[in-house]
Protein backbone atom coordinates (compact mmCIF):
# COMPACT_ATOMS: atom_id res chain seq x y z
CA MET A 1 -1.86 11.78 16.28
CA ILE A 2 -0.32 8.82 14.49
CA LEU A 3 1.07 5.98 16.60
CA ASN A 4 4.50 4.76 15.47
CA ASN A 5 6.36 1.59 16.41
CA HIS A 6 9.79 3.19 16.24
CA THR A 7 11.87 0.66 18.19
CA THR A 8 11.38 -2.44 20.32
CA SER A 9 14.00 -1.74 22.98
CA TYR A 10 15.00 1.58 24.53
CA ARG A 11 17.85 2.07 22.06
CA PHE A 12 17.58 4.72 19.35
CA CYS A 13 17.70 3.59 15.74
CA CYS A 14 19.18 3.16 13.09
CA GLY A 15 22.19 0.85 12.70
CA LEU A 16 22.50 -2.75 13.80
CA ASP A 17 21.08 -1.97 17.21
CA GLY A 18 18.63 -4.82 17.83
CA ASN A 19 15.69 -2.85 16.46
CA GLU A 20 16.10 -3.68 12.78
CA ARG A 21 12.77 -5.44 12.22
CA TRP A 22 9.28 -5.57 13.63
CA ASN A 23 10.21 -8.93 15.18
CA SER A 24 13.64 -8.01 16.51
CA GLY A 25 13.61 -8.96 20.18
CA GLN A 26 10.04 -10.27 19.98
CA SER A 27 7.91 -12.53 17.82
CA THR A 28 5.68 -11.29 15.02
CA ARG A 29 2.72 -12.53 17.08
CA GLN A 30 3.79 -10.41 20.08
CA TRP A 31 4.24 -7.38 17.83
CA ILE A 32 0.76 -7.77 16.31
CA ASP A 33 -0.82 -8.34 19.72
CA ASP A 34 0.78 -5.12 20.98
CA TRP A 35 -0.63 -3.23 18.00
CA VAL A 36 -4.11 -4.64 18.60
CA PHE A 37 -3.81 -3.57 22.25
CA MET A 38 -2.92 -0.02 21.17
CA ALA A 39 -5.73 0.11 18.60
CA LYS A 40 -8.27 -0.89 21.24
CA ARG A 41 -6.77 1.47 23.81
CA TYR A 42 -7.28 4.56 21.62
CA GLN A 43 -10.40 3.41 19.77
CA GLY A 44 -12.53 6.03 21.51
CA ASN A 45 -10.12 8.88 20.77
CA LYS A 46 -10.77 9.96 17.19
CA ARG A 47 -7.74 12.27 17.22
CA VAL A 48 -5.64 9.11 17.01
CA VAL A 49 -6.01 8.51 13.28
CA GLY A 50 -3.28 6.10 12.23
CA ALA A 51 -0.90 3.25 13.01
CA ASP A 52 2.58 3.49 11.46
CA LEU A 53 3.50 -0.18 11.77
CA ARG A 54 7.31 -0.04 12.01
CA ASN A 55 10.06 2.50 11.56
CA GLU A 56 12.79 1.99 8.93
CA VAL A 57 13.03 -1.78 8.56
CA ARG A 58 16.67 -2.68 7.87
CA ARG A 59 19.02 -5.59 8.39
CA ASP A 60 22.45 -6.98 7.80
CA THR A 61 23.45 -8.99 4.75
CA TRP A 62 22.70 -12.36 6.37
CA ASN A 63 19.29 -11.49 7.83
CA ASP A 64 17.82 -9.04 5.33
CA ALA A 65 14.14 -8.28 5.46
CA ASN A 66 12.35 -9.38 2.29
CA TRP A 67 9.10 -8.70 0.48
CA GLY A 68 6.88 -11.72 -0.10
CA TRP A 69 9.09 -14.76 0.61
CA GLY A 70 6.77 -16.05 3.33
CA ASP A 71 9.49 -16.59 5.96
CA GLU A 72 10.00 -14.93 9.36
CA HIS A 73 11.75 -11.96 7.71
CA ASP A 74 8.90 -11.27 5.27
CA GLU A 75 7.80 -7.69 5.88
CA TYR A 76 5.07 -7.87 3.25
CA THR A 77 3.19 -10.71 4.93
CA ALA A 78 3.73 -9.48 8.49
CA PHE A 79 2.49 -5.97 7.68
CA GLU A 80 -0.64 -7.20 5.88
CA GLN A 81 -1.50 -9.52 8.76
CA ALA A 82 -0.95 -6.76 11.32
CA GLY A 83 -2.94 -4.22 9.33
CA ASN A 84 -5.96 -6.47 9.03
CA GLU A 85 -5.96 -7.36 12.72
CA ILE A 86 -5.68 -3.67 13.63
CA LEU A 87 -8.68 -2.88 11.43
CA GLN A 88 -10.71 -5.60 13.12
CA ALA A 89 -9.95 -3.89 16.43
CA ASP A 90 -10.57 -0.34 15.14
CA PRO A 91 -11.91 0.05 11.59
CA ASP A 92 -11.43 3.84 11.72
CA LEU A 93 -7.62 3.74 11.81
CA LEU A 94 -5.37 4.37 8.84
CA VAL A 95 -2.78 1.59 8.46
CA ILE A 96 0.57 3.09 7.46
CA MET A 97 3.31 0.89 6.02
CA GLU A 98 6.90 1.87 5.38
CA GLY A 99 8.96 -0.13 2.91
CA ILE A 100 12.37 -1.70 3.46
CA ASN A 101 14.61 1.20 4.41
CA TRP A 102 17.91 -0.64 3.95
CA GLN A 103 19.26 -4.03 2.92
CA GLY A 104 22.88 -5.10 3.29
CA ILE A 105 25.18 -4.26 6.22
CA PRO A 106 28.14 -4.39 6.05
CA ALA A 107 27.76 -2.55 2.79
CA ALA A 108 31.06 -3.55 1.28
CA PRO A 109 31.82 -5.84 -0.40
CA PHE A 110 28.23 -7.18 -0.16
CA PRO A 111 25.16 -6.10 -2.19
CA HIS A 112 23.31 -3.23 -0.58
CA GLN A 113 20.36 -1.02 -1.47
CA ARG A 114 17.53 1.10 -0.16
CA PRO A 115 14.41 -0.50 -1.68
CA ASP A 116 11.93 1.89 0.01
CA LEU A 117 8.57 1.27 -1.72
CA LYS A 118 9.94 -0.23 -4.96
CA PRO A 119 8.66 -3.77 -4.16
CA VAL A 120 5.09 -2.39 -3.98
CA ARG A 121 5.13 -2.01 -7.78
CA THR A 122 4.88 -5.79 -8.22
CA LEU A 123 3.42 -6.92 -4.85
CA SER A 124 1.14 -4.48 -3.05
CA HIS A 125 -0.98 -4.92 0.06
CA THR A 126 -4.72 -5.50 0.34
CA LEU A 127 -6.56 -4.74 3.57
CA ILE A 128 -10.02 -5.82 4.62
CA ASP A 129 -10.88 -2.12 4.24
CA SER A 130 -9.12 -1.07 1.04
CA ASN A 131 -9.35 2.67 1.67
CA LYS A 132 -7.42 2.48 4.95
CA LEU A 133 -3.98 1.77 3.45
CA VAL A 134 -1.27 4.46 3.37
CA TYR A 135 2.35 3.88 2.38
CA ALA A 136 5.17 5.91 3.94
CA VAL A 137 8.74 6.70 2.95
CA HIS A 138 11.68 8.62 4.47
CA PHE A 139 14.18 10.88 2.69
CA TYR A 140 17.28 12.69 3.97
CA GLY A 141 19.89 14.47 1.91
CA TYR A 142 22.84 12.63 3.46
CA THR A 143 21.49 9.20 2.48
CA GLY A 144 20.90 7.82 -1.01
CA PRO A 145 19.43 5.01 -3.14
CA ALA A 146 22.39 2.81 -2.17
CA ASN A 147 23.94 4.93 0.59
CA THR A 148 23.24 4.50 4.30
CA GLY A 149 24.56 7.96 5.11
CA ALA A 150 27.34 6.53 7.25
CA GLY A 151 30.64 8.35 6.87
CA SER A 152 32.70 5.39 8.02
CA GLY A 153 32.37 1.88 9.37
CA PRO A 154 30.38 -1.13 8.13
CA GLY A 155 27.55 0.98 6.71
CA ALA A 156 29.69 3.35 4.66
CA THR A 157 29.48 3.38 0.86
CA GLY A 158 30.76 5.51 -1.98
CA ASP A 159 27.42 5.74 -3.73
CA PRO A 160 25.74 9.07 -4.55
CA ARG A 161 23.57 10.65 -1.88
CA TYR A 162 20.26 12.39 -2.52
CA GLU A 163 21.94 15.76 -2.03
CA ASP A 164 24.27 14.94 -4.96
CA PHE A 165 21.42 14.79 -7.51
CA THR A 166 20.23 17.59 -9.76
CA PRO A 167 16.61 18.72 -9.20
CA ASP A 168 15.40 16.58 -12.11
CA GLN A 169 17.40 13.55 -10.96
CA LEU A 170 16.10 13.93 -7.42
CA ALA A 171 12.50 14.20 -8.60
CA GLN A 172 12.93 11.01 -10.64
CA VAL A 173 14.47 8.97 -7.80
CA VAL A 174 11.86 10.18 -5.29
CA ASN A 175 9.16 9.07 -7.71
CA ASP A 176 10.85 5.70 -8.36
CA GLU A 177 11.24 4.96 -4.64
CA GLY A 178 7.94 6.29 -3.35
CA LEU A 179 5.62 8.68 -5.12
CA PHE A 180 4.86 6.33 -8.04
CA VAL A 181 2.44 4.58 -5.65
CA THR A 182 0.00 7.49 -6.05
CA GLU A 183 -0.54 6.72 -9.77
CA GLU A 184 -4.25 6.12 -10.31
CA GLY A 185 -5.81 2.88 -11.48
CA LYS A 186 -3.02 0.47 -10.47
CA HIS A 187 -3.07 -2.49 -8.11
CA PHE A 188 -0.68 -0.53 -5.87
CA THR A 189 -2.50 2.82 -5.90
CA ALA A 190 -2.55 4.38 -2.42
CA PRO A 191 -1.66 7.64 -0.69
CA VAL A 192 2.03 8.15 0.12
CA TRP A 193 3.13 10.04 3.22
CA VAL A 194 6.72 11.29 3.56
CA SER A 195 6.70 10.54 7.26
CA GLU A 196 10.27 11.74 7.83
CA PHE A 197 12.49 14.29 6.14
CA GLY A 198 14.66 17.07 7.45
CA ALA A 199 17.90 19.02 7.51
CA ALA A 200 20.13 20.77 10.06
CA GLY A 201 18.72 24.29 10.11
CA ARG A 202 20.62 26.32 12.68
CA GLY A 203 24.33 26.75 12.23
CA SER A 204 24.72 24.64 9.10
CA THR A 205 26.87 25.98 6.27
CA ASP A 206 26.57 22.89 4.05
CA ALA A 207 25.65 24.16 0.57
CA LYS A 208 24.60 20.69 -0.62
CA GLU A 209 22.24 20.27 2.30
CA LYS A 210 20.64 23.65 1.65
CA SER A 211 20.19 22.86 -2.04
CA TRP A 212 18.71 19.44 -1.16
CA PHE A 213 16.18 20.97 1.22
CA LYS A 214 15.00 23.46 -1.41
CA ASN A 215 14.76 20.82 -4.15
CA PHE A 216 13.00 18.29 -1.95
CA THR A 217 10.41 20.73 -0.62
CA ASP A 218 9.76 21.76 -4.25
CA ILE A 219 8.87 18.10 -4.96
CA LEU A 220 6.50 17.98 -1.98
CA VAL A 221 4.78 21.17 -3.12
CA LYS A 222 4.46 20.04 -6.75
CA ASN A 223 2.91 16.68 -5.78
CA ASP A 224 0.84 17.97 -2.83
CA THR A 225 2.54 15.28 -0.76
CA ASP A 226 1.81 15.10 2.95
CA PHE A 227 4.86 15.14 5.18
CA ALA A 228 6.32 15.10 8.68
CA GLN A 229 9.51 16.97 9.55
CA TRP A 230 12.11 15.24 11.76
CA PRO A 231 12.01 16.41 14.45
CA LEU A 232 9.47 18.99 15.54
CA VAL A 233 10.93 19.72 18.99
CA GLY A 234 14.64 19.55 19.80
CA TRP A 235 16.38 18.78 23.05
CA SER A 236 18.58 20.81 25.38
CA ASP A 237 21.27 19.83 27.87
CA GLU A 238 21.03 20.24 31.62
CA LYS A 239 21.97 23.93 31.27
CA GLY A 240 19.13 24.54 28.81
CA THR A 241 21.43 24.95 25.81
CA PRO A 242 19.81 23.71 22.56
CA ASN A 243 21.65 20.73 21.09
CA ASP A 244 19.47 19.70 18.18
CA ASN A 245 19.76 21.97 15.16
CA TRP A 246 17.52 19.62 13.14
CA ALA A 247 14.43 20.55 15.15
CA LEU A 248 11.90 23.04 13.84
CA LEU A 249 11.39 24.24 17.41
CA SER A 250 13.96 24.49 20.18
CA TYR A 251 14.51 26.57 23.31
CA ASP A 252 17.42 28.59 24.61
CA ALA A 253 18.69 28.55 28.20
CA SER A 254 16.07 31.11 29.27
CA GLY A 255 13.24 29.00 27.85
CA LYS A 256 12.69 31.20 24.81
CA LYS A 257 11.33 29.28 21.84
CA LEU A 258 13.54 29.20 18.76
CA GLY A 259 11.77 28.25 15.54
CA VAL A 260 12.04 28.69 11.81
CA GLU A 261 9.85 31.77 12.07
CA ASP A 262 12.23 33.46 14.54
CA GLY A 263 15.08 34.08 12.09
CA GLY A 264 18.55 32.59 12.07
CA ASP A 265 17.31 29.43 10.38
CA TRP A 266 18.12 29.04 6.70
CA ARG A 267 15.19 26.61 6.26
CA ALA A 268 12.60 29.33 6.91
CA THR A 269 12.04 30.33 3.27
CA ASP A 270 11.53 26.78 2.02
CA TRP A 271 9.55 25.74 5.09
CA ASN A 272 7.12 28.63 4.65
CA LYS A 273 6.89 27.82 0.94
CA LEU A 274 5.93 24.27 1.86
CA VAL A 275 3.33 24.90 4.56
CA ASN A 276 1.70 27.79 2.70
CA ALA A 277 1.47 26.07 -0.70
CA PRO A 278 -2.01 25.45 -2.16
CA ALA A 279 -3.22 21.96 -1.29
CA LYS A 280 -6.29 19.79 -1.61
CA THR A 281 -8.48 19.79 1.46
CA GLY A 282 -11.82 18.39 2.54
CA ARG A 283 -13.53 15.06 2.03
CA ILE A 284 -11.99 12.85 -0.62
CA ALA A 285 -14.25 11.29 -3.26
CA PRO A 286 -14.43 7.49 -3.15
CA ALA A 287 -11.85 5.82 -5.39
CA ASN A 288 -11.90 2.56 -7.29
CA HIS A 289 -9.53 -0.20 -6.24
CA TRP A 290 -7.77 -3.10 -7.95
CA ASN A 291 -6.23 -5.24 -5.23
CA ILE A 292 -4.00 -8.30 -5.15
CA VAL A 293 -4.85 -11.57 -3.43
CA ASP A 294 -1.63 -13.51 -2.83
CA ILE A 295 -1.85 -17.13 -1.61
CA ASP A 296 1.72 -18.09 -2.55
CA HIS A 297 2.45 -19.02 1.07
CA GLY A 298 -0.93 -19.99 2.51
CA ASP A 299 -4.42 -18.68 3.20
CA TRP A 300 -5.18 -15.00 2.77
CA ASN A 301 -8.61 -14.01 4.03
CA LEU A 302 -9.49 -10.40 3.21
CA SER A 303 -13.21 -10.56 3.96
CA ARG A 304 -14.91 -9.57 7.19
CA THR A 305 -17.75 -11.90 6.20
CA MET A 306 -15.43 -14.92 6.14
CA LEU A 307 -13.13 -14.02 9.04
CA ALA A 308 -15.28 -15.78 11.62
CA GLY A 309 -16.42 -18.53 9.25
CA ALA A 310 -15.37 -22.13 8.86
CA ASP A 311 -12.56 -23.31 6.58
CA TRP A 312 -14.39 -23.25 3.25
CA SER A 313 -11.80 -25.38 1.39
CA PRO A 314 -10.01 -27.63 3.91
CA GLY A 315 -6.45 -28.60 3.11
CA ASN A 316 -6.08 -26.06 0.32
CA SER A 317 -4.51 -22.62 0.06
CA LYS A 318 -7.26 -20.07 -0.33
CA GLY A 319 -7.88 -16.36 -0.61
CA ASN A 320 -10.87 -14.08 -0.99
CA CYS A 321 -11.58 -10.45 -1.78
CA PRO A 322 -12.64 -7.72 0.64
CA ASP A 323 -16.42 -7.60 1.15
CA THR A 324 -16.86 -4.59 -1.15
CA GLU A 325 -14.96 -6.20 -4.04
CA ARG A 326 -15.27 -9.09 -6.50
CA LEU A 327 -12.74 -11.33 -8.22
CA ILE A 328 -11.79 -10.04 -11.66
CA GLY A 329 -8.54 -11.86 -12.56
CA LEU A 330 -6.38 -14.94 -11.91
CA SER A 331 -2.81 -15.90 -12.69
CA ARG A 332 -1.93 -19.35 -13.98
CA SER A 333 0.89 -20.57 -11.74
CA HIS A 334 1.58 -18.29 -8.80
CA GLY A 335 -1.67 -18.34 -6.83
CA ARG A 336 -2.25 -14.66 -7.51
CA GLY A 337 -5.68 -13.07 -7.96
CA LEU A 338 -7.05 -9.60 -8.61
CA CYS A 339 -10.07 -8.02 -6.93
CA THR A 340 -11.91 -4.80 -7.74
CA ASP A 341 -14.83 -2.61 -6.70
CA VAL A 342 -15.05 -0.71 -9.99
CA ALA A 343 -18.23 -0.23 -12.06
CA GLU A 344 -20.87 -0.50 -9.35
CA PRO A 345 -20.02 -3.99 -8.11
CA PRO A 346 -22.88 -6.31 -7.22
CA LYS A 347 -23.87 -6.36 -3.56
CA ALA A 348 -23.71 -9.72 -1.83
CA ALA A 349 -26.89 -10.98 -0.18
CA GLY A 350 -26.83 -14.31 1.60
CA ALA A 351 -24.33 -16.98 2.48
CA TRP A 352 -21.21 -17.41 0.34
CA GLU A 353 -20.79 -20.84 -1.24
CA ALA A 354 -17.67 -22.83 -2.08
CA VAL A 355 -18.04 -24.64 -5.43
CA ASP A 356 -15.68 -27.54 -6.19
CA ASP A 357 -17.46 -29.34 -9.05
CA GLU A 358 -19.46 -28.71 -12.25
CA ARG A 359 -22.98 -28.81 -10.81
CA TYR A 360 -23.70 -25.22 -11.87
CA VAL A 361 -22.42 -25.52 -15.46
CA LYS A 362 -25.85 -25.34 -17.08
CA GLN A 363 -25.81 -22.43 -19.56
CA GLY A 364 -23.57 -23.99 -22.19
CA ASP A 365 -20.02 -25.36 -22.51
CA TRP A 366 -17.88 -22.23 -22.55
CA ALA A 367 -14.56 -24.18 -22.37
CA ASN A 368 -15.00 -27.37 -24.41
CA GLY A 369 -12.96 -30.28 -23.09
CA TYR A 370 -11.89 -28.52 -19.92
CA ASP A 371 -12.94 -29.08 -16.32
CA LYS A 372 -14.84 -26.12 -14.94
CA LEU A 373 -15.84 -24.49 -11.68
CA GLN A 374 -18.82 -22.19 -12.04
CA CYS A 375 -20.86 -20.09 -9.64
CA PRO A 376 -24.64 -20.47 -9.41
CA VAL A 377 -26.82 -18.13 -11.46
CA ASN A 378 -26.95 -14.64 -9.93
CA SER A 379 -23.71 -15.25 -8.02
CA PHE A 380 -20.23 -13.83 -8.60
CA ALA A 381 -16.76 -15.10 -7.68
CA VAL A 382 -15.14 -13.50 -4.63
CA GLY A 383 -12.40 -16.03 -3.86
CA TYR A 384 -10.61 -19.19 -4.91
CA ALA A 385 -8.67 -22.12 -3.46
CA MET A 386 -5.74 -24.06 -4.89
CA LYS A 387 -4.01 -27.33 -4.11
CA GLY A 388 -0.49 -26.62 -5.20
CA PRO A 389 -0.79 -25.08 -8.68
CA ALA A 390 -4.22 -26.63 -9.31
CA MET A 391 -7.62 -24.99 -8.90
CA ALA A 392 -9.57 -26.65 -6.09
CA SER A 393 -12.58 -24.44 -5.39
CA LEU A 394 -14.30 -21.19 -6.31
CA LEU A 395 -15.94 -19.04 -3.64
CA CYS A 396 -19.19 -17.47 -4.83
CA ALA A 397 -21.37 -14.74 -3.32
CA PRO A 398 -25.07 -14.44 -4.21
CA SER A 399 -26.02 -11.10 -5.71
CA ALA A 400 -28.77 -8.93 -4.25
CA ALA A 401 -29.90 -8.15 -7.82
CA PRO A 402 -30.15 -10.42 -10.89
CA LEU A 403 -26.98 -10.76 -12.99
CA PRO A 404 -26.71 -11.46 -16.75
CA THR A 405 -25.98 -15.09 -17.65
CA LYS A 406 -24.46 -14.58 -21.10
CA GLY A 407 -20.71 -14.09 -21.20
CA HIS A 408 -17.47 -14.98 -22.95
CA SER A 409 -14.27 -16.92 -22.24
CA VAL A 410 -10.96 -15.19 -21.52
CA TRP A 411 -8.09 -17.62 -22.14
CA PHE A 412 -4.66 -17.16 -20.55
CA ASP A 413 -3.09 -20.62 -20.85
CA GLN A 414 -0.45 -19.34 -23.28
CA GLY A 415 0.12 -15.72 -22.25
CA ASP A 416 -1.36 -12.61 -20.69
CA ASN A 417 -4.94 -11.73 -21.56
CA ARG A 418 -5.79 -8.49 -19.80
CA PRO A 419 -8.04 -5.72 -21.17
CA ALA A 420 -6.27 -3.07 -23.20
CA THR A 421 -8.09 -0.37 -21.23
CA GLY A 422 -9.38 -0.16 -17.72
CA GLY A 423 -8.01 -0.49 -14.22
CA ALA A 424 -4.74 -2.27 -13.36
CA HIS A 425 -4.08 -3.10 -17.03
CA GLY A 426 -0.92 -1.00 -16.87
CA SER A 427 0.43 -2.68 -13.74
CA ASP A 428 1.57 -6.28 -13.61
CA TRP A 429 -0.21 -7.82 -10.63
CA ALA A 430 1.32 -11.29 -11.24
CA GLU A 431 4.80 -10.63 -12.55
CA ASN A 432 6.35 -13.26 -14.83
CA ASP A 433 3.16 -15.32 -14.96
CA TYR A 434 0.37 -15.84 -17.47
CA LYS A 435 -2.82 -14.18 -16.33
CA GLY A 436 -6.40 -13.44 -17.37
CA GLN A 437 -8.58 -10.52 -16.40
CA CYS A 438 -12.20 -9.63 -17.11
CA ALA A 439 -13.15 -6.13 -18.21
CA ASP A 440 -13.91 -3.52 -15.56
CA ASN A 441 -17.66 -3.85 -16.16
CA GLU A 442 -17.68 -7.66 -15.84
CA TYR A 443 -17.61 -10.29 -13.12
CA VAL A 444 -15.97 -13.73 -12.95
CA ALA A 445 -18.63 -16.45 -13.14
CA GLY A 446 -16.35 -19.44 -13.66
CA VAL A 447 -12.84 -20.85 -14.10
CA ALA A 448 -11.74 -23.59 -16.53
CA MET A 449 -8.76 -25.88 -16.03
CA THR A 450 -7.32 -29.19 -17.30
CA TRP A 451 -7.47 -32.42 -15.31
CA LYS A 452 -8.74 -31.04 -12.02
CA SER A 453 -9.34 -34.60 -10.81
CA LEU A 454 -5.59 -35.32 -11.15
CA GLN A 455 -4.71 -32.07 -9.34
CA LEU A 456 -3.02 -30.79 -12.50
CA GLY A 457 -5.68 -28.18 -13.22
CA ARG A 458 -3.93 -24.87 -13.47
CA PRO A 459 -6.44 -22.13 -14.31
CA ASP A 460 -6.64 -21.72 -18.09
CA ALA A 461 -9.70 -19.53 -18.73
CA LEU A 462 -12.23 -17.27 -17.03
CA LEU A 463 -15.92 -17.03 -17.75
CA CYS A 464 -16.58 -13.29 -17.76
CA ARG A 465 -20.10 -11.88 -17.73
CA PRO A 466 -21.34 -8.26 -17.79
CA LEU A 467 -22.55 -6.68 -14.58
CA THR A 468 -25.64 -5.25 -16.29
């Protein structure tokens, strides 16, 4: 069982019906509080495995949902906040996030699109438990990358629909809008669930729809993608006559079940192909993570250790890594950081310390002429604080085991300086910004900047040291 916040009011989705966003008809705070209530309510029932935060976020041209702007329509920020509060209530739940299903109604003459999960490529989520994140996406043949599926009215467009694509074209667009997230070793890497797809099975003679269903289920089989068909059970009128030919299961007037296995449903061949295809099963091996910390619009605490703690850098924007991860990269201007748990990360033991001066710079001047923030010996950076664009503080965690003290400087004051190999090197975790990143087998021990005392100290270099 996966809980799904489908609508706020009683109305069914999916036009401009008052249910366009998570905070339509309610505040974001009310929406999160309701989710926390549900997480606590089912905490003891381990058959309830996930929380699908909101169905098909969409909006008109003047009130479009966005991804990372920090305002009241920012789905990225709202979903990350909700996910982390849900995990505090029930750490066993999967947190499932859909992208922006549609932007721009009326569609003409205004810009319109179906972003789906595309924004995740440059700005992905980080949860306090990194392995609990799942992204979700919906596909139907009658919609398209820039097509609402409406035949007429304010949502209608003349753009191609998914059912108009060749098999190769469809596979490419499905990857671009969703399945790319499953690529390994990126900051956005996570499972993707196709939480809705479907077609009208009984009575349909639409050749395009039939071709779409075959081609789309081929994609699911090839990628071993988990899925949910819309809907499972159909509805009947007061006489018992089935009225939903999209359902996998329905019932005639006598109460007899009608399903894809009963004949008369053209989807049967492709459905059986899908559910009987070989698939991975069993316990999944632990995976490495490279996760974004984004403090563009304020504090972003991703650590259970620090959630109940005091403000460790008052008056400054700050962020820190999940407890199982360490800081491995920083951008120069946008307040973006990168965390990882790769290469047997050091285990923290003891209280974390905020460092805002040079009192621990004792093993040599690794950035001559620059102001520096440096962690104590046998400590590693897990967070940072900024005042505007300037570095203000470095958050350090003491290691349970001794750490090497010799290292090297990674400069990024004039461009990108990321390792040529290793995790997240192929994905831009701070788009359009200079950035530096230590190697996968290193930790950040310090940050250098210019004129910290004048609050002009953008990060210019990292002190990277080996883990062993």
